[in-house]
């Protein structure tokens, strides 16, 4: 997703909840999980800020088939690896891809989805699946899509002590230490 709220569940008596509430973060008091609250953190992946225009396709916008094909590429280059000629390496690099394929059951029929899983699942190591459903079906979803306008409204409502920051920013992604996290 280009912009979304990442809902994180806390115990309602956790002192961080009051701090987040005071700063203006969205808070949900959960009914199905007594004594629990969820805090919504506005999230926009770095790639969405790079000005790619119409060249960017997020997983939420891609068809399930496109997602399977991207996952196959990730596994080829990240888990297996290739040499300078593009040939697969003999040994795995030991990396792992954790991915949740997203699909809209209103756009993809059960029959089409089932056929696609039978076709592509044997070609990859592992992939979990999460339907993108009406948010009213659940008390909250871990990732709630929001519009760019709503994202900016929430950002403006959050009181900041300084600049808004990410725990993992571009500095953490550089390869200067000799190990590359990307």
N, C-alpha and C. Protein backbone atom coordinates (compact mmCIF):
# COMPACT_ATOMS: atom_id res chain seq x y z
N UNK A 1 0.84 -1.18 0.00
CA UNK A 1 0.00 0.00 0.00
C UNK A 1 0.88 1.24 0.00
N UNK A 2 0.39 2.26 -0.60
CA UNK A 2 1.16 3.50 -0.65
C UNK A 2 1.13 4.24 0.69
N UNK A 3 -0.03 4.29 1.31
CA UNK A 3 -0.18 4.88 2.64
C UNK A 3 -1.12 3.98 3.43
N UNK A 4 -0.81 3.79 4.69
CA UNK A 4 -1.68 2.97 5.52
C UNK A 4 -1.41 3.25 6.99
N UNK A 5 -2.34 2.79 7.84
CA UNK A 5 -2.12 2.81 9.28
C UNK A 5 -1.67 1.42 9.67
N UNK A 6 -0.55 1.33 10.33
CA UNK A 6 -0.07 0.06 10.88
C UNK A 6 -0.55 0.03 12.32
N UNK A 7 -1.54 -0.84 12.58
CA UNK A 7 -2.11 -0.94 13.91
C UNK A 7 -1.29 -1.89 14.75
N UNK A 8 -0.86 -1.42 15.91
CA UNK A 8 -0.06 -2.21 16.84
C UNK A 8 -0.83 -2.33 18.14
N UNK A 9 -0.98 -3.56 18.61
CA UNK A 9 -1.77 -3.81 19.81
C UNK A 9 -0.91 -3.69 21.06
N UNK A 10 -1.46 -3.03 22.07
CA UNK A 10 -0.83 -2.85 23.37
C UNK A 10 -1.84 -3.21 24.47
N UNK A 11 -1.33 -3.50 25.64
CA UNK A 11 -2.23 -3.59 26.80
C UNK A 11 -2.74 -2.18 27.07
N UNK A 12 -3.99 -2.05 27.41
CA UNK A 12 -4.58 -0.72 27.63
C UNK A 12 -3.93 0.04 28.77
N UNK A 13 -3.35 -0.67 29.74
CA UNK A 13 -2.70 0.01 30.86
C UNK A 13 -1.22 0.33 30.60
N UNK A 14 -0.75 0.06 29.39
CA UNK A 14 0.63 0.39 29.04
C UNK A 14 0.76 1.92 29.02
N UNK A 15 1.72 2.49 29.73
CA UNK A 15 1.87 3.96 29.77
C UNK A 15 2.13 4.58 28.40
N UNK A 16 2.63 3.80 27.46
CA UNK A 16 2.86 4.34 26.12
C UNK A 16 1.56 4.77 25.45
N UNK A 17 0.46 4.10 25.79
CA UNK A 17 -0.83 4.44 25.18
C UNK A 17 -1.19 5.90 25.47
N UNK A 18 -1.05 6.32 26.73
CA UNK A 18 -1.36 7.71 27.09
C UNK A 18 -0.44 8.68 26.34
N UNK A 19 0.81 8.30 26.19
CA UNK A 19 1.75 9.14 25.45
C UNK A 19 1.36 9.28 23.99
N UNK A 20 1.00 8.17 23.36
CA UNK A 20 0.57 8.22 21.96
C UNK A 20 -0.73 9.01 21.82
N UNK A 21 -1.66 8.82 22.75
CA UNK A 21 -2.95 9.54 22.70
C UNK A 21 -2.68 11.05 22.82
N UNK A 22 -1.81 11.44 23.74
CA UNK A 22 -1.49 12.86 23.95
C UNK A 22 -0.86 13.48 22.70
N UNK A 23 -0.11 12.69 21.97
CA UNK A 23 0.54 13.21 20.76
C UNK A 23 -0.40 13.22 19.56
N UNK A 24 -1.57 12.57 19.67
CA UNK A 24 -2.55 12.63 18.58
C UNK A 24 -2.62 11.41 17.69
N UNK A 25 -1.94 10.32 18.07
CA UNK A 25 -2.02 9.10 17.27
C UNK A 25 -3.43 8.51 17.38
N UNK A 26 -3.95 7.91 16.32
CA UNK A 26 -5.25 7.24 16.41
C UNK A 26 -5.15 6.05 17.38
N UNK A 27 -6.14 5.92 18.25
CA UNK A 27 -6.18 4.84 19.24
C UNK A 27 -7.54 4.16 19.14
N UNK A 28 -7.54 2.83 19.19
CA UNK A 28 -8.78 2.06 19.24
C UNK A 28 -8.79 1.25 20.53
N UNK A 29 -9.85 1.39 21.30
CA UNK A 29 -10.05 0.54 22.46
C UNK A 29 -10.72 -0.73 21.93
N UNK A 30 -10.07 -1.86 22.09
CA UNK A 30 -10.57 -3.09 21.48
C UNK A 30 -11.63 -3.76 22.35
N UNK A 31 -12.68 -4.24 21.71
CA UNK A 31 -13.76 -4.92 22.42
C UNK A 31 -13.53 -6.43 22.47
N UNK A 32 -13.02 -6.98 21.38
CA UNK A 32 -12.83 -8.43 21.33
C UNK A 32 -11.59 -8.89 22.10
N UNK A 33 -10.68 -7.98 22.40
CA UNK A 33 -9.49 -8.29 23.19
C UNK A 33 -9.53 -7.38 24.41
N UNK A 34 -10.29 -7.78 25.41
CA UNK A 34 -10.48 -6.96 26.61
C UNK A 34 -9.13 -6.55 27.21
N UNK A 35 -9.06 -5.29 27.61
CA UNK A 35 -7.84 -4.79 28.21
C UNK A 35 -6.75 -4.47 27.19
N UNK A 36 -7.13 -4.40 25.91
CA UNK A 36 -6.16 -4.12 24.86
C UNK A 36 -6.59 -2.90 24.05
N UNK A 37 -5.61 -2.19 23.55
CA UNK A 37 -5.83 -1.05 22.67
C UNK A 37 -4.91 -1.22 21.47
N UNK A 38 -5.27 -0.56 20.38
CA UNK A 38 -4.42 -0.57 19.19
C UNK A 38 -4.08 0.88 18.84
N UNK A 39 -2.82 1.10 18.51
CA UNK A 39 -2.34 2.43 18.10
C UNK A 39 -2.08 2.37 16.60
N UNK A 40 -2.58 3.38 15.89
CA UNK A 40 -2.39 3.46 14.44
C UNK A 40 -1.20 4.34 14.10
N UNK A 41 -0.19 3.75 13.48
CA UNK A 41 0.99 4.50 13.07
C UNK A 41 0.90 4.77 11.57
N UNK A 42 0.81 6.04 11.17
CA UNK A 42 0.75 6.35 9.74
C UNK A 42 2.06 5.91 9.07
N UNK A 43 1.93 5.16 8.00
CA UNK A 43 3.10 4.57 7.35
C UNK A 43 3.03 4.82 5.85
N UNK A 44 4.17 5.20 5.31
CA UNK A 44 4.32 5.36 3.87
C UNK A 44 5.70 4.80 3.52
N UNK A 45 5.75 3.71 2.77
CA UNK A 45 7.05 3.13 2.43
C UNK A 45 7.95 4.13 1.69
N UNK A 46 9.24 4.03 1.95
CA UNK A 46 10.22 4.94 1.34
C UNK A 46 10.08 4.97 -0.19
N UNK A 47 9.82 3.83 -0.79
CA UNK A 47 9.74 3.77 -2.26
C UNK A 47 8.63 4.67 -2.79
N UNK A 48 7.60 4.90 -1.99
CA UNK A 48 6.49 5.76 -2.42
C UNK A 48 6.86 7.23 -2.39
N UNK A 49 8.00 7.55 -1.80
CA UNK A 49 8.45 8.94 -1.69
C UNK A 49 9.50 9.29 -2.74
N UNK A 50 9.82 8.36 -3.61
CA UNK A 50 10.92 8.57 -4.55
C UNK A 50 10.51 9.25 -5.85
N UNK A 51 9.24 9.59 -6.01
CA UNK A 51 8.80 10.30 -7.21
C UNK A 51 8.83 9.44 -8.46
N UNK A 52 8.39 8.21 -8.35
CA UNK A 52 8.42 7.30 -9.50
C UNK A 52 7.21 7.47 -10.41
N UNK A 53 6.26 8.30 -10.00
CA UNK A 53 5.08 8.53 -10.83
C UNK A 53 4.32 7.24 -11.08
N UNK A 54 3.95 7.01 -12.32
CA UNK A 54 3.17 5.84 -12.68
C UNK A 54 3.98 4.56 -12.81
N UNK A 55 5.28 4.60 -12.51
CA UNK A 55 6.12 3.41 -12.66
C UNK A 55 6.07 2.49 -11.45
N UNK A 56 5.51 2.96 -10.34
CA UNK A 56 5.45 2.16 -9.12
C UNK A 56 4.15 1.38 -9.06
N UNK A 57 4.25 0.10 -8.77
CA UNK A 57 3.10 -0.76 -8.57
C UNK A 57 3.27 -1.43 -7.22
N UNK A 58 2.40 -1.12 -6.27
CA UNK A 58 2.51 -1.73 -4.95
C UNK A 58 1.83 -3.10 -4.95
N UNK A 59 2.13 -3.90 -3.94
CA UNK A 59 1.52 -5.24 -3.85
C UNK A 59 0.00 -5.14 -3.79
N UNK A 60 -0.52 -4.13 -3.08
CA UNK A 60 -1.96 -3.97 -2.99
C UNK A 60 -2.61 -3.63 -4.32
N UNK A 61 -1.83 -3.11 -5.26
CA UNK A 61 -2.34 -2.75 -6.59
C UNK A 61 -2.11 -3.87 -7.60
N UNK A 62 -1.18 -4.75 -7.33
CA UNK A 62 -0.83 -5.83 -8.26
C UNK A 62 -1.84 -6.98 -8.16
N UNK A 63 -1.99 -7.68 -9.25
CA UNK A 63 -2.84 -8.86 -9.23
C UNK A 63 -2.13 -9.96 -8.44
N UNK A 64 -2.85 -10.94 -7.93
CA UNK A 64 -2.18 -12.05 -7.25
C UNK A 64 -1.14 -12.72 -8.15
N UNK A 65 -1.44 -12.86 -9.42
CA UNK A 65 -0.48 -13.48 -10.35
C UNK A 65 0.80 -12.65 -10.44
N UNK A 66 0.67 -11.33 -10.53
CA UNK A 66 1.85 -10.46 -10.56
C UNK A 66 2.65 -10.59 -9.26
N UNK A 67 1.96 -10.70 -8.14
CA UNK A 67 2.64 -10.86 -6.86
C UNK A 67 3.42 -12.17 -6.81
N UNK A 68 2.83 -13.26 -7.30
CA UNK A 68 3.54 -14.54 -7.36
C UNK A 68 4.80 -14.41 -8.22
N UNK A 69 4.69 -13.74 -9.36
CA UNK A 69 5.85 -13.60 -10.25
C UNK A 69 6.95 -12.76 -9.60
N UNK A 70 6.59 -11.68 -8.87
CA UNK A 70 7.59 -10.89 -8.16
C UNK A 70 8.23 -11.72 -7.06
N UNK A 71 7.43 -12.53 -6.37
CA UNK A 71 7.97 -13.38 -5.32
C UNK A 71 8.95 -14.39 -5.89
N UNK A 72 8.65 -14.92 -7.07
CA UNK A 72 9.58 -15.86 -7.73
C UNK A 72 10.90 -15.17 -8.04
N UNK A 73 10.84 -13.92 -8.49
CA UNK A 73 12.08 -13.17 -8.75
C UNK A 73 12.85 -12.91 -7.46
N UNK A 74 12.14 -12.54 -6.41
CA UNK A 74 12.80 -12.32 -5.12
C UNK A 74 13.53 -13.58 -4.66
N UNK A 75 12.84 -14.71 -4.76
CA UNK A 75 13.48 -15.95 -4.33
C UNK A 75 14.67 -16.30 -5.20
N UNK A 76 14.56 -16.06 -6.48
CA UNK A 76 15.67 -16.37 -7.38
C UNK A 76 16.91 -15.55 -7.02
N UNK A 77 16.74 -14.27 -6.83
CA UNK A 77 17.89 -13.41 -6.61
C UNK A 77 18.28 -13.26 -5.14
N UNK A 78 17.34 -13.39 -4.22
CA UNK A 78 17.64 -13.17 -2.81
C UNK A 78 18.00 -14.48 -2.11
N UNK A 79 17.25 -15.53 -2.36
CA UNK A 79 17.51 -16.80 -1.68
C UNK A 79 18.57 -17.61 -2.42
N UNK A 80 18.36 -17.81 -3.69
CA UNK A 80 19.28 -18.66 -4.46
C UNK A 80 20.51 -17.89 -4.89
N UNK A 81 20.28 -16.76 -5.53
CA UNK A 81 21.39 -15.94 -6.02
C UNK A 81 21.84 -16.38 -7.40
N UNK A 82 22.43 -15.47 -8.13
CA UNK A 82 22.94 -15.74 -9.47
C UNK A 82 24.37 -15.23 -9.59
N UNK A 83 25.11 -15.80 -10.53
CA UNK A 83 26.48 -15.34 -10.76
C UNK A 83 26.47 -14.18 -11.76
N UNK A 84 27.65 -13.76 -12.19
CA UNK A 84 27.77 -12.62 -13.11
C UNK A 84 27.07 -12.85 -14.44
N UNK A 85 26.92 -14.11 -14.83
CA UNK A 85 26.28 -14.44 -16.10
C UNK A 85 24.77 -14.62 -15.97
N UNK A 86 24.26 -14.48 -14.75
CA UNK A 86 22.82 -14.66 -14.53
C UNK A 86 22.44 -16.10 -14.27
N UNK A 87 23.45 -16.98 -14.12
CA UNK A 87 23.18 -18.40 -13.85
C UNK A 87 22.96 -18.60 -12.36
N UNK A 88 22.04 -19.50 -12.02
CA UNK A 88 21.75 -19.78 -10.62
C UNK A 88 22.99 -20.34 -9.92
N UNK A 89 23.21 -19.88 -8.70
CA UNK A 89 24.31 -20.41 -7.91
C UNK A 89 23.97 -21.84 -7.47
N UNK A 90 24.99 -22.63 -7.23
CA UNK A 90 24.76 -24.02 -6.83
C UNK A 90 24.17 -24.12 -5.43
N UNK A 91 24.62 -23.24 -4.53
CA UNK A 91 24.15 -23.30 -3.16
C UNK A 91 23.28 -22.09 -2.86
N UNK A 92 22.32 -22.29 -1.97
CA UNK A 92 21.48 -21.18 -1.54
C UNK A 92 22.29 -20.20 -0.71
N UNK A 93 21.89 -18.93 -0.76
CA UNK A 93 22.59 -17.91 0.02
C UNK A 93 22.14 -17.92 1.48
N UNK A 94 21.07 -18.65 1.78
CA UNK A 94 20.59 -18.74 3.16
C UNK A 94 19.58 -17.67 3.53
N UNK A 95 19.22 -16.82 2.59
CA UNK A 95 18.25 -15.77 2.88
C UNK A 95 16.83 -16.33 2.82
N UNK A 96 15.88 -15.58 3.35
CA UNK A 96 14.49 -16.01 3.35
C UNK A 96 13.59 -14.83 3.02
N UNK A 97 12.54 -15.07 2.29
CA UNK A 97 11.55 -14.05 1.98
C UNK A 97 10.31 -14.35 2.80
N UNK A 98 9.82 -13.36 3.52
CA UNK A 98 8.57 -13.47 4.24
C UNK A 98 7.58 -12.57 3.52
N UNK A 99 6.53 -13.16 2.97
CA UNK A 99 5.61 -12.37 2.17
C UNK A 99 4.18 -12.82 2.40
N UNK A 100 3.28 -11.85 2.45
CA UNK A 100 1.86 -12.12 2.52
C UNK A 100 1.22 -11.60 1.25
N UNK A 101 0.74 -12.51 0.43
CA UNK A 101 0.08 -12.16 -0.81
C UNK A 101 -1.29 -11.57 -0.49
N UNK A 102 -1.61 -10.46 -1.10
CA UNK A 102 -2.87 -9.79 -0.86
C UNK A 102 -3.78 -9.95 -2.09
N UNK A 103 -5.05 -10.22 -1.82
CA UNK A 103 -5.99 -10.30 -2.92
C UNK A 103 -7.35 -9.80 -2.48
N UNK A 104 -8.13 -9.34 -3.43
CA UNK A 104 -9.47 -8.84 -3.15
C UNK A 104 -10.47 -9.90 -3.60
N UNK A 105 -11.17 -10.56 -2.67
CA UNK A 105 -12.12 -11.61 -3.04
C UNK A 105 -13.28 -11.11 -3.88
N UNK A 106 -13.49 -9.79 -3.93
CA UNK A 106 -14.54 -9.23 -4.79
C UNK A 106 -14.08 -9.12 -6.23
N UNK A 107 -12.76 -9.16 -6.46
CA UNK A 107 -12.21 -9.05 -7.81
C UNK A 107 -11.68 -10.37 -8.34
N UNK A 108 -11.34 -11.28 -7.45
CA UNK A 108 -10.77 -12.57 -7.85
C UNK A 108 -11.70 -13.67 -7.33
N UNK A 109 -12.24 -14.44 -8.24
CA UNK A 109 -13.15 -15.50 -7.82
C UNK A 109 -12.39 -16.60 -7.09
N UNK A 110 -13.11 -17.38 -6.32
CA UNK A 110 -12.49 -18.50 -5.62
C UNK A 110 -11.86 -19.47 -6.61
N UNK A 111 -12.55 -19.73 -7.70
CA UNK A 111 -12.04 -20.66 -8.70
C UNK A 111 -10.73 -20.15 -9.30
N UNK A 112 -10.69 -18.86 -9.67
CA UNK A 112 -9.46 -18.29 -10.24
C UNK A 112 -8.33 -18.28 -9.22
N UNK A 113 -8.66 -17.91 -7.99
CA UNK A 113 -7.64 -17.87 -6.94
C UNK A 113 -7.09 -19.27 -6.68
N UNK A 114 -7.98 -20.26 -6.58
CA UNK A 114 -7.57 -21.64 -6.34
C UNK A 114 -6.67 -22.15 -7.47
N UNK A 115 -7.03 -21.87 -8.71
CA UNK A 115 -6.22 -22.31 -9.85
C UNK A 115 -4.84 -21.64 -9.82
N UNK A 116 -4.82 -20.37 -9.46
CA UNK A 116 -3.55 -19.65 -9.41
C UNK A 116 -2.63 -20.21 -8.32
N UNK A 117 -3.19 -20.51 -7.16
CA UNK A 117 -2.39 -21.10 -6.09
C UNK A 117 -1.84 -22.45 -6.53
N UNK A 118 -2.65 -23.25 -7.17
CA UNK A 118 -2.17 -24.57 -7.66
C UNK A 118 -1.06 -24.39 -8.69
N UNK A 119 -1.14 -23.34 -9.49
CA UNK A 119 -0.13 -23.11 -10.52
C UNK A 119 1.18 -22.57 -9.94
N UNK A 120 1.11 -21.58 -9.06
CA UNK A 120 2.30 -20.88 -8.63
C UNK A 120 2.89 -21.33 -7.29
N UNK A 121 2.08 -21.80 -6.36
CA UNK A 121 2.60 -22.16 -5.04
C UNK A 121 3.71 -23.21 -5.12
N UNK A 122 3.62 -24.21 -6.00
CA UNK A 122 4.72 -25.19 -6.08
C UNK A 122 6.04 -24.59 -6.59
N UNK A 123 5.98 -23.39 -7.16
CA UNK A 123 7.18 -22.78 -7.74
C UNK A 123 7.93 -21.88 -6.76
N UNK A 124 7.36 -21.69 -5.57
CA UNK A 124 7.99 -20.86 -4.55
C UNK A 124 8.11 -21.65 -3.26
N UNK A 125 8.88 -21.11 -2.32
CA UNK A 125 9.08 -21.81 -1.05
C UNK A 125 7.88 -21.69 -0.14
N UNK A 126 7.45 -20.45 0.12
CA UNK A 126 6.34 -20.25 1.04
C UNK A 126 5.71 -18.89 0.78
N UNK A 127 4.43 -18.80 1.01
CA UNK A 127 3.71 -17.55 0.86
C UNK A 127 2.41 -17.64 1.64
N UNK A 128 2.21 -16.71 2.56
CA UNK A 128 0.92 -16.66 3.24
C UNK A 128 -0.01 -15.76 2.43
N UNK A 129 -1.29 -15.84 2.74
CA UNK A 129 -2.29 -15.12 1.96
C UNK A 129 -3.20 -14.35 2.90
N UNK A 130 -3.53 -13.11 2.53
CA UNK A 130 -4.47 -12.33 3.32
C UNK A 130 -5.45 -11.63 2.39
N UNK A 131 -6.72 -11.94 2.54
CA UNK A 131 -7.70 -11.24 1.70
C UNK A 131 -7.82 -9.78 2.12
N UNK A 132 -7.96 -8.90 1.15
CA UNK A 132 -8.22 -7.50 1.44
C UNK A 132 -9.74 -7.37 1.48
N UNK A 133 -10.25 -7.30 2.69
CA UNK A 133 -11.69 -7.29 2.86
C UNK A 133 -12.16 -6.01 3.50
N UNK A 134 -13.47 -5.85 3.48
CA UNK A 134 -14.10 -4.73 4.15
C UNK A 134 -13.61 -4.70 5.59
N UNK A 135 -13.14 -3.54 6.02
CA UNK A 135 -12.57 -3.41 7.36
C UNK A 135 -13.60 -3.71 8.45
N UNK A 136 -14.88 -3.64 8.14
CA UNK A 136 -15.90 -3.91 9.15
C UNK A 136 -16.01 -5.39 9.47
N UNK A 137 -15.36 -6.23 8.68
CA UNK A 137 -15.40 -7.67 8.96
C UNK A 137 -14.58 -8.02 10.19
N UNK A 138 -13.63 -7.18 10.55
CA UNK A 138 -12.76 -7.40 11.71
C UNK A 138 -12.74 -6.14 12.55
N UNK A 139 -12.43 -6.29 13.82
CA UNK A 139 -12.34 -5.11 14.69
C UNK A 139 -11.22 -4.17 14.19
N UNK A 140 -10.12 -4.76 13.79
CA UNK A 140 -9.06 -3.98 13.14
C UNK A 140 -8.20 -4.95 12.34
N UNK A 141 -7.56 -4.41 11.31
CA UNK A 141 -6.61 -5.19 10.53
C UNK A 141 -5.23 -4.63 10.82
N UNK A 142 -4.18 -5.47 10.74
CA UNK A 142 -2.83 -4.97 11.03
C UNK A 142 -2.43 -3.79 10.15
N UNK A 143 -2.87 -3.80 8.91
CA UNK A 143 -2.57 -2.71 7.99
C UNK A 143 -3.88 -2.23 7.39
N UNK A 144 -4.20 -0.97 7.65
CA UNK A 144 -5.45 -0.38 7.14
C UNK A 144 -5.11 0.63 6.05
N UNK A 145 -5.52 0.36 4.82
CA UNK A 145 -5.22 1.32 3.75
C UNK A 145 -5.93 2.65 4.00
N UNK A 146 -5.22 3.74 3.73
CA UNK A 146 -5.81 5.07 3.82
C UNK A 146 -5.38 5.86 2.59
N UNK A 147 -6.11 6.91 2.29
CA UNK A 147 -5.76 7.76 1.14
C UNK A 147 -4.58 8.64 1.51
N UNK A 148 -3.94 9.20 0.49
CA UNK A 148 -2.84 10.14 0.73
C UNK A 148 -3.32 11.35 1.53
N UNK A 149 -4.54 11.80 1.26
CA UNK A 149 -5.11 12.94 1.98
C UNK A 149 -5.29 12.60 3.46
N UNK A 150 -5.87 11.42 3.74
CA UNK A 150 -6.07 11.00 5.13
C UNK A 150 -4.72 10.83 5.83
N UNK A 151 -3.73 10.28 5.12
CA UNK A 151 -2.38 10.12 5.67
C UNK A 151 -1.84 11.47 6.14
N UNK A 152 -1.95 12.49 5.28
CA UNK A 152 -1.42 13.81 5.63
C UNK A 152 -2.22 14.44 6.77
N UNK A 153 -3.53 14.21 6.83
CA UNK A 153 -4.34 14.72 7.95
C UNK A 153 -3.84 14.15 9.27
N UNK A 154 -3.60 12.84 9.30
CA UNK A 154 -3.14 12.19 10.53
C UNK A 154 -1.75 12.69 10.90
N UNK A 155 -0.88 12.81 9.93
CA UNK A 155 0.48 13.31 10.19
C UNK A 155 0.42 14.71 10.81
N UNK A 156 -0.45 15.56 10.27
CA UNK A 156 -0.57 16.93 10.80
C UNK A 156 -1.13 16.94 12.22
N UNK A 157 -1.96 15.95 12.57
CA UNK A 157 -2.56 15.91 13.90
C UNK A 157 -1.58 15.41 14.97
N UNK A 158 -0.53 14.73 14.55
CA UNK A 158 0.43 14.17 15.51
C UNK A 158 1.41 15.26 15.94
N UNK A 159 1.46 15.48 17.25
CA UNK A 159 2.41 16.44 17.82
C UNK A 159 3.80 15.83 17.74
N UNK A 160 4.74 16.63 17.29
CA UNK A 160 6.10 16.12 17.16
C UNK A 160 7.03 16.93 18.04
N UNK A 161 7.95 16.21 18.68
CA UNK A 161 8.97 16.87 19.48
C UNK A 161 10.08 17.40 18.58
N UNK A 162 10.16 16.90 17.43
CA UNK A 162 11.18 17.28 16.44
C UNK A 162 10.69 16.77 15.11
N UNK A 163 11.57 16.26 14.33
CA UNK A 163 11.19 15.70 13.04
C UNK A 163 10.57 14.32 13.24
N UNK A 164 9.62 14.00 12.40
CA UNK A 164 9.07 12.65 12.39
C UNK A 164 10.18 11.74 11.88
N UNK A 165 10.40 10.62 12.53
CA UNK A 165 11.49 9.75 12.10
C UNK A 165 11.02 8.32 12.02
N UNK A 166 11.82 7.51 11.36
CA UNK A 166 11.56 6.09 11.24
C UNK A 166 12.64 5.36 12.03
N UNK A 167 12.28 4.25 12.66
CA UNK A 167 13.27 3.45 13.36
C UNK A 167 14.32 2.93 12.39
N UNK A 168 13.90 2.62 11.18
CA UNK A 168 14.83 2.16 10.17
C UNK A 168 14.74 3.15 9.03
N UNK A 169 15.75 3.96 8.89
CA UNK A 169 15.76 4.95 7.83
C UNK A 169 16.87 4.61 6.84
N UNK A 170 17.11 5.49 5.91
CA UNK A 170 18.08 5.22 4.84
C UNK A 170 19.48 4.97 5.40
N UNK A 171 19.84 5.60 6.52
CA UNK A 171 21.16 5.38 7.11
C UNK A 171 21.35 3.94 7.56
N UNK A 172 20.27 3.31 8.02
CA UNK A 172 20.36 1.92 8.47
C UNK A 172 20.44 0.94 7.29
N UNK A 173 20.10 1.41 6.10
CA UNK A 173 20.05 0.54 4.94
C UNK A 173 21.33 0.58 4.11
N UNK A 174 22.26 1.45 4.46
CA UNK A 174 23.51 1.54 3.71
C UNK A 174 24.39 0.34 4.01
N UNK A 175 25.30 0.06 3.11
CA UNK A 175 26.14 -1.14 3.22
C UNK A 175 27.54 -0.82 3.76
N UNK A 176 27.69 0.29 4.45
CA UNK A 176 29.02 0.72 4.89
C UNK A 176 29.69 -0.25 5.86
N UNK A 177 28.88 -1.00 6.62
CA UNK A 177 29.47 -1.92 7.60
C UNK A 177 29.96 -3.21 6.95
N UNK A 178 29.66 -3.38 5.66
CA UNK A 178 30.05 -4.61 4.97
C UNK A 178 28.89 -5.59 4.86
N UNK A 179 27.84 -5.37 5.62
CA UNK A 179 26.64 -6.20 5.53
C UNK A 179 25.52 -5.32 4.96
N UNK A 180 24.85 -5.81 3.96
CA UNK A 180 23.80 -5.03 3.32
C UNK A 180 22.44 -5.59 3.70
N UNK A 181 21.62 -4.80 4.42
CA UNK A 181 20.30 -5.29 4.81
C UNK A 181 19.30 -5.35 3.69
N UNK A 182 19.58 -4.72 2.56
CA UNK A 182 18.65 -4.78 1.42
C UNK A 182 19.07 -5.92 0.52
